[in-house]
Amino acid sequence: MQQPSIFLTAEDVHRLTGRKMYGAQRRALEALGYRLNRDYRLAATGEPLVLKSALDASHPSAQPVRRVEPNWAALNTPLRKLRKQDQTKG
């Protein structure tokens, strides 16, 4: 009896990426947030083998990317004011 594959089928990868050529599929996967050796492997033919686990909602690639903004108030505060605050604390 054959065990189920841990990879998506070639048809599934085509549907996921909308591309047929392996290089184009790899670029599409990268653009979608999938990473080589974490979410997919490369076959000797160059075909991307996408892990089924990469589609799980708990997988890191499924999590939204959190953008971190600089503290603009701290950047806009004059340096002498910051130094004065530090002197009064210590």
C-alpha atoms as a PDB file:
ATOM      1  CA  MET A   1       0.000   0.000   0.000  1.00  0.00           C
ATOM      2  CA  GLN A   2       1.340   3.388  -0.972  1.00  0.00           C
ATOM      3  CA  GLN A   3       1.589   6.102   1.677  1.00  0.00           C
ATOM      4  CA  PRO A   4       0.091   9.505   0.904  1.00  0.00           C
ATOM      5  CA  SER A   5       2.579  12.071  -0.321  1.00  0.00           C
ATOM      6  CA  ILE A   6       3.693  14.945   1.907  1.00  0.00           C
ATOM      7  CA  PHE A   7       3.845  17.158  -1.199  1.00  0.00           C
ATOM      8  CA  LEU A   8       1.148  18.808  -3.290  1.00  0.00           C
ATOM      9  CA  THR A   9       0.543  17.332  -6.715  1.00  0.00           C
ATOM     10  CA  ALA A  10       1.922  19.086  -9.802  1.00  0.00           C
ATOM     11  CA  GLU A  11      -1.649  20.083 -10.640  1.00  0.00           C
ATOM     12  CA  ASP A  12      -2.104  21.617  -7.173  1.00  0.00           C
ATOM     13  CA  VAL A  13       1.110  23.641  -7.542  1.00  0.00           C
ATOM     14  CA  HIS A  14      -0.088  24.819 -10.958  1.00  0.00           C
ATOM     15  CA  ARG A  15      -3.417  25.926  -9.436  1.00  0.00           C
ATOM     16  CA  LEU A  16      -1.685  27.598  -6.498  1.00  0.00           C
ATOM     17  CA  THR A  17       0.764  29.582  -8.631  1.00  0.00           C
ATOM     18  CA  GLY A  18      -1.102  29.925 -11.909  1.00  0.00           C
ATOM     19  CA  ARG A  19       2.150  28.975 -13.674  1.00  0.00           C
ATOM     20  CA  LYS A  20       3.262  25.878 -15.596  1.00  0.00           C
ATOM     21  CA  MET A  21       7.009  26.395 -15.940  1.00  0.00           C
ATOM     22  CA  TYR A  22       9.030  25.388 -12.875  1.00  0.00           C
ATOM     23  CA  GLY A  23      11.025  28.617 -12.680  1.00  0.00           C
ATOM     24  CA  ALA A  24       7.861  30.696 -12.896  1.00  0.00           C
ATOM     25  CA  GLN A  25       6.251  28.517 -10.223  1.00  0.00           C
ATOM     26  CA  ARG A  26       9.216  29.099  -7.911  1.00  0.00           C
ATOM     27  CA  ARG A  27       9.040  32.870  -8.404  1.00  0.00           C
ATOM     28  CA  ALA A  28       5.287  32.820  -7.760  1.00  0.00           C
ATOM     29  CA  LEU A  29       5.763  30.746  -4.613  1.00  0.00           C
ATOM     30  CA  GLU A  30       8.371  33.211  -3.312  1.00  0.00           C
ATOM     31  CA  ALA A  31       6.034  36.125  -4.093  1.00  0.00           C
ATOM     32  CA  LEU A  32       3.276  34.344  -2.133  1.00  0.00           C
ATOM     33  CA  GLY A  33       5.576  34.063   0.893  1.00  0.00           C
ATOM     34  CA  TYR A  34       6.647  30.431   0.518  1.00  0.00           C
ATOM     35  CA  ARG A  35      10.348  29.867   1.159  1.00  0.00           C
ATOM     36  CA  LEU A  36      12.720  27.299  -0.300  1.00  0.00           C
ATOM     37  CA  ASN A  37      13.712  24.538   2.166  1.00  0.00           C
ATOM     38  CA  ARG A  38      11.041  25.697   4.623  1.00  0.00           C
ATOM     39  CA  ASP A  39       7.866  25.420   2.530  1.00  0.00           C
ATOM     40  CA  TYR A  40       9.049  23.642  -0.583  1.00  0.00           C
ATOM     41  CA  ARG A  41      11.928  21.629  -1.952  1.00  0.00           C
ATOM     42  CA  LEU A  42      13.348  21.328  -5.456  1.00  0.00           C
ATOM     43  CA  ALA A  43      13.323  18.039  -7.316  1.00  0.00           C
ATOM     44  CA  ALA A  44      16.350  17.133  -9.434  1.00  0.00           C
ATOM     45  CA  THR A  45      14.322  18.322 -12.439  1.00  0.00           C
ATOM     46  CA  GLY A  46      13.832  21.764 -10.888  1.00  0.00           C
ATOM     47  CA  GLU A  47      10.185  21.108 -10.089  1.00  0.00           C
ATOM     48  CA  PRO A  48       9.096  22.806  -6.844  1.00  0.00           C
ATOM     49  CA  LEU A  49       7.717  20.226  -4.404  1.00  0.00           C
ATOM     50  CA  VAL A  50       5.444  22.148  -2.035  1.00  0.00           C
ATOM     51  CA  LEU A  51       4.909  20.624   1.395  1.00  0.00           C
ATOM     52  CA  LYS A  52       1.261  20.131   2.292  1.00  0.00           C
ATOM     53  CA  SER A  53       2.070  21.429   5.766  1.00  0.00           C
ATOM     54  CA  ALA A  54       2.940  24.806   4.191  1.00  0.00           C
ATOM     55  CA  LEU A  55      -0.769  25.317   3.526  1.00  0.00           C
ATOM     56  CA  ASP A  56      -1.767  24.926   7.197  1.00  0.00           C
ATOM     57  CA  ALA A  57      -3.072  28.087   8.843  1.00  0.00           C
ATOM     58  CA  SER A  58      -0.666  27.535  11.745  1.00  0.00           C
ATOM     59  CA  HIS A  59       2.370  27.513   9.447  1.00  0.00           C
ATOM     60  CA  PRO A  60       4.615  30.626   9.666  1.00  0.00           C
ATOM     61  CA  SER A  61       4.112  31.434   5.979  1.00  0.00           C
ATOM     62  CA  ALA A  62       0.346  31.639   6.568  1.00  0.00           C
ATOM     63  CA  GLN A  63       0.733  34.282   9.273  1.00  0.00           C
ATOM     64  CA  PRO A  64       0.436  37.919   8.182  1.00  0.00           C
ATOM     65  CA  VAL A  65       3.650  39.874   8.178  1.00  0.00           C
ATOM     66  CA  ARG A  66       3.679  42.449  10.963  1.00  0.00           C
ATOM     67  CA  ARG A  67       5.073  45.757   9.865  1.00  0.00           C
ATOM     68  CA  VAL A  68       7.084  47.624  12.451  1.00  0.00           C
ATOM     69  CA  GLU A  69       7.065  51.393  12.288  1.00  0.00           C
ATOM     70  CA  PRO A  70       9.773  53.585  13.794  1.00  0.00           C
ATOM     71  CA  ASN A  71       8.963  55.672  16.849  1.00  0.00           C
ATOM     72  CA  TRP A  72       8.561  58.919  14.949  1.00  0.00           C
ATOM     73  CA  ALA A  73       8.048  60.954  18.126  1.00  0.00           C
ATOM     74  CA  ALA A  74      11.447  59.887  19.428  1.00  0.00           C
ATOM     75  CA  LEU A  75      13.060  60.677  16.092  1.00  0.00           C
ATOM     76  CA  ASN A  76      11.472  64.133  15.994  1.00  0.00           C
ATOM     77  CA  THR A  77      12.389  65.032  19.592  1.00  0.00           C
ATOM     78  CA  PRO A  78      15.461  67.270  19.749  1.00  0.00           C
ATOM     79  CA  LEU A  79      18.514  65.534  21.184  1.00  0.00           C
ATOM     80  CA  ARG A  80      19.074  68.164  23.879  1.00  0.00           C
ATOM     81  CA  LYS A  81      15.556  67.555  25.215  1.00  0.00           C
ATOM     82  CA  LEU A  82      16.273  63.813  25.440  1.00  0.00           C
ATOM     83  CA  ARG A  83      19.574  64.462  27.239  1.00  0.00           C
ATOM     84  CA  LYS A  84      17.791  66.754  29.699  1.00  0.00           C
ATOM     85  CA  GLN A  85      15.229  64.022  30.445  1.00  0.00           C
ATOM     86  CA  ASP A  86      18.021  61.483  31.045  1.00  0.00           C
ATOM     87  CA  GLN A  87      19.792  63.867  33.476  1.00  0.00           C
ATOM     88  CA  THR A  88      16.658  64.392  35.523  1.00  0.00           C
ATOM     89  CA  LYS A  89      16.075  60.622  35.821  1.00  0.00           C
ATOM     90  CA  GLY A  90      19.532  59.737  37.042  1.00  0.00           C
END
